[in-house]
Amino acid sequence: MRWMSSSSIPGLVMAVVAVALTAAPAPAADPPARSAITETEVNAAQQAWCDGLVKIGKVHKEGGDYKAVAGQLIDDLYDYKEGKVFFKPTLAFGKHTFRNTRDGALSYFVGGNKDFPKDTGFALKEWVKVRYDNNAAENGIQIHGDIAITMGNVYLT
């Protein structure tokens, strides 16, 4: 799955540019056909991202291994291992506007990476509620076989 986003912070609303879910086929001479992605899977991925963002901040506040939690969120919801990820973090700008590596994404969420000195840890802001909607168009989630695209907003409290 690839989660791609873009946003502006006024009002703490993040516009979700796209969520693209893909299932990697098993290597074979004739790879099996992939099943179509469902709206339920798209919504589950988006909800997992919202819940994960809250969890990272909570674990940080409690003194736990928030970097491991953030790393797991990235591994579960972004496709850095299998492909290119188009990730434009909410507060990223300049030289580091886009995060095309796992290390770049992790730094954005938790900070502390000398290669991304302006990152302060977006997920460490201790968000207490994160929700989304898919309302950018009449068909807020588009399913194209094994690829799904959605656009809407994420609301952060």
Protein backbone atom coordinates (compact mmCIF):
# COMPACT_ATOMS: atom_id res chain seq x y z
CA MET A 1 0.00 0.00 0.00
CA ARG A 2 1.12 3.52 -0.65
CA TRP A 3 -0.18 6.45 1.31
CA MET A 4 0.41 9.79 -0.35
CA SER A 5 -0.58 13.09 1.14
CA SER A 6 -0.28 16.81 0.83
CA SER A 7 -1.62 19.54 3.04
CA SER A 8 -1.53 22.92 4.60
CA ILE A 9 -1.68 23.43 8.35
CA PRO A 10 -4.18 26.35 8.74
CA GLY A 11 -7.05 24.91 10.73
CA LEU A 12 -5.04 21.71 11.05
CA VAL A 13 -6.73 20.14 8.05
CA MET A 14 -4.65 17.87 5.89
CA ALA A 15 -5.81 17.13 2.36
CA VAL A 16 -5.32 13.52 1.48
CA VAL A 17 -4.11 13.43 -2.08
CA ALA A 18 -4.22 9.72 -2.66
CA VAL A 19 -4.20 6.33 -1.08
CA ALA A 20 -3.05 3.66 -3.46
CA LEU A 21 -3.30 0.08 -2.26
CA THR A 22 -1.63 -2.68 -4.17
CA ALA A 23 -1.07 -6.33 -3.45
CA ALA A 24 2.24 -7.73 -4.67
CA PRO A 25 1.82 -10.90 -6.72
CA ALA A 26 3.78 -14.00 -5.80
CA PRO A 27 6.68 -14.60 -8.20
CA ALA A 28 5.62 -17.17 -10.78
CA ALA A 29 5.68 -17.78 -14.50
CA ASP A 30 2.07 -16.63 -14.69
CA PRO A 31 1.34 -14.47 -11.66
CA PRO A 32 -2.15 -14.94 -10.29
CA ALA A 33 -4.63 -12.20 -11.00
CA ARG A 34 -4.92 -9.72 -8.17
CA SER A 35 -8.29 -9.24 -6.62
CA ALA A 36 -9.85 -5.81 -6.71
CA ILE A 37 -9.30 -3.59 -3.72
CA THR A 38 -12.44 -2.77 -1.78
CA GLU A 39 -13.64 0.47 -0.23
CA THR A 40 -13.48 -1.34 3.12
CA GLU A 41 -9.74 -1.91 2.63
CA VAL A 42 -9.16 1.73 1.67
CA ASN A 43 -11.05 2.96 4.72
CA ALA A 44 -9.20 0.49 6.95
CA ALA A 45 -5.84 1.78 5.70
CA GLN A 46 -6.85 5.38 6.29
CA GLN A 47 -8.19 4.60 9.77
CA ALA A 48 -5.00 2.69 10.61
CA TRP A 49 -2.97 5.80 9.68
CA CYS A 50 -5.15 8.02 11.89
CA ASP A 51 -4.95 5.59 14.82
CA GLY A 52 -1.21 5.13 14.31
CA LEU A 53 -0.55 8.87 14.44
CA VAL A 54 -2.34 9.12 17.79
CA LYS A 55 -0.54 6.01 19.09
CA ILE A 56 2.94 7.34 18.26
CA GLY A 57 2.30 10.48 20.33
CA LYS A 58 0.81 8.50 23.20
CA VAL A 59 3.73 6.05 23.34
CA HIS A 60 6.16 9.01 23.23
CA LYS A 61 4.36 10.72 26.12
CA GLU A 62 4.48 7.48 28.14
CA GLY A 63 8.23 7.09 27.53
CA GLY A 64 7.89 4.03 25.31
CA ASP A 65 9.60 3.08 22.06
CA TYR A 66 7.74 5.56 19.85
CA LYS A 67 10.33 5.19 17.08
CA ALA A 68 9.48 1.49 16.78
CA VAL A 69 5.77 2.32 16.68
CA ALA A 70 6.38 4.91 13.95
CA GLY A 71 8.57 2.48 12.02
CA GLN A 72 5.84 -0.15 12.16
CA LEU A 73 3.27 2.36 10.90
CA ILE A 74 5.55 3.20 7.97
CA ASP A 75 6.21 -0.47 7.20
CA ASP A 76 2.49 -1.31 7.37
CA LEU A 77 1.09 1.65 5.46
CA TYR A 78 3.77 2.82 3.04
CA ASP A 79 5.45 0.79 0.30
CA TYR A 80 9.11 1.74 0.73
CA LYS A 81 10.21 -1.92 0.56
CA GLU A 82 8.53 -2.70 -2.77
CA GLY A 83 8.27 0.53 -4.70
CA LYS A 84 8.39 4.26 -4.92
CA VAL A 85 6.35 6.27 -2.45
CA PHE A 86 5.02 9.73 -3.23
CA PHE A 87 4.88 11.25 0.27
CA LYS A 88 4.61 15.00 0.79
CA PRO A 89 4.40 15.45 4.57
CA THR A 90 2.15 18.13 5.99
CA LEU A 91 4.89 20.37 7.40
CA ALA A 92 7.74 19.50 5.05
CA PHE A 93 9.21 22.18 2.80
CA GLY A 94 12.32 23.19 0.90
CA LYS A 95 14.99 20.61 0.17
CA HIS A 96 13.10 17.95 2.14
CA THR A 97 9.57 18.58 0.89
CA PHE A 98 9.13 15.01 -0.37
CA ARG A 99 10.14 11.86 1.47
CA ASN A 100 11.07 9.13 -0.96
CA THR A 101 12.89 6.99 1.64
CA ARG A 102 11.76 5.22 4.81
CA ASP A 103 14.37 7.16 6.83
CA GLY A 104 12.91 10.42 5.53
CA ALA A 105 9.39 9.37 6.47
CA LEU A 106 10.49 8.21 9.93
CA SER A 107 12.30 11.48 10.53
CA TYR A 108 9.21 13.43 9.60
CA PHE A 109 7.09 11.52 12.12
CA VAL A 110 9.56 11.44 15.04
CA GLY A 111 12.44 13.85 14.23
CA GLY A 112 15.98 13.31 15.41
CA ASN A 113 17.65 12.61 12.06
CA LYS A 114 20.61 14.87 11.27
CA ASP A 115 19.88 14.52 7.55
CA PHE A 116 16.49 16.20 8.13
CA PRO A 117 17.40 18.92 10.65
CA LYS A 118 14.09 20.81 10.46
CA ASP A 119 11.99 17.79 11.44
CA THR A 120 10.56 18.13 14.93
CA GLY A 121 8.35 15.06 14.90
CA PHE A 122 4.88 15.62 13.47
CA ALA A 123 3.53 12.56 15.33
CA LEU A 124 5.03 13.73 18.64
CA LYS A 125 2.58 16.63 18.86
CA GLU A 126 0.38 14.26 20.87
CA TRP A 127 -2.65 14.38 18.63
CA VAL A 128 -5.65 13.16 20.62
CA LYS A 129 -8.02 12.64 17.72
CA VAL A 130 -7.40 12.16 14.02
CA ARG A 131 -10.18 11.50 11.54
CA TYR A 132 -10.55 11.58 7.77
CA ASP A 133 -13.19 11.90 5.11
CA ASN A 134 -13.20 11.03 1.44
CA ASN A 135 -15.23 13.82 -0.04
CA ALA A 136 -13.29 15.41 -2.85
CA ALA A 137 -15.70 14.18 -5.48
CA GLU A 138 -18.95 12.30 -5.89
CA ASN A 139 -16.93 9.11 -6.11
CA GLY A 140 -14.68 9.79 -3.09
CA ILE A 141 -12.90 6.46 -3.53
CA GLN A 142 -12.04 5.27 -7.01
CA ILE A 143 -11.29 1.58 -7.46
CA HIS A 144 -9.30 0.55 -10.53
CA GLY A 145 -8.79 -3.17 -10.02
CA ASP A 146 -5.82 -3.56 -7.68
CA ILE A 147 -5.35 0.20 -7.30
CA ALA A 148 -7.52 2.57 -5.28
CA ILE A 149 -7.35 6.36 -5.23
CA THR A 150 -9.08 8.68 -2.81
CA MET A 151 -9.05 12.34 -1.94
CA GLY A 152 -10.43 14.16 1.05
CA ASN A 153 -9.30 15.67 4.32
CA VAL A 154 -7.67 14.59 7.55
CA TYR A 155 -8.64 16.51 10.69
CA LEU A 156 -6.17 16.66 13.57
CA THR A 157 -7.00 17.60 17.16
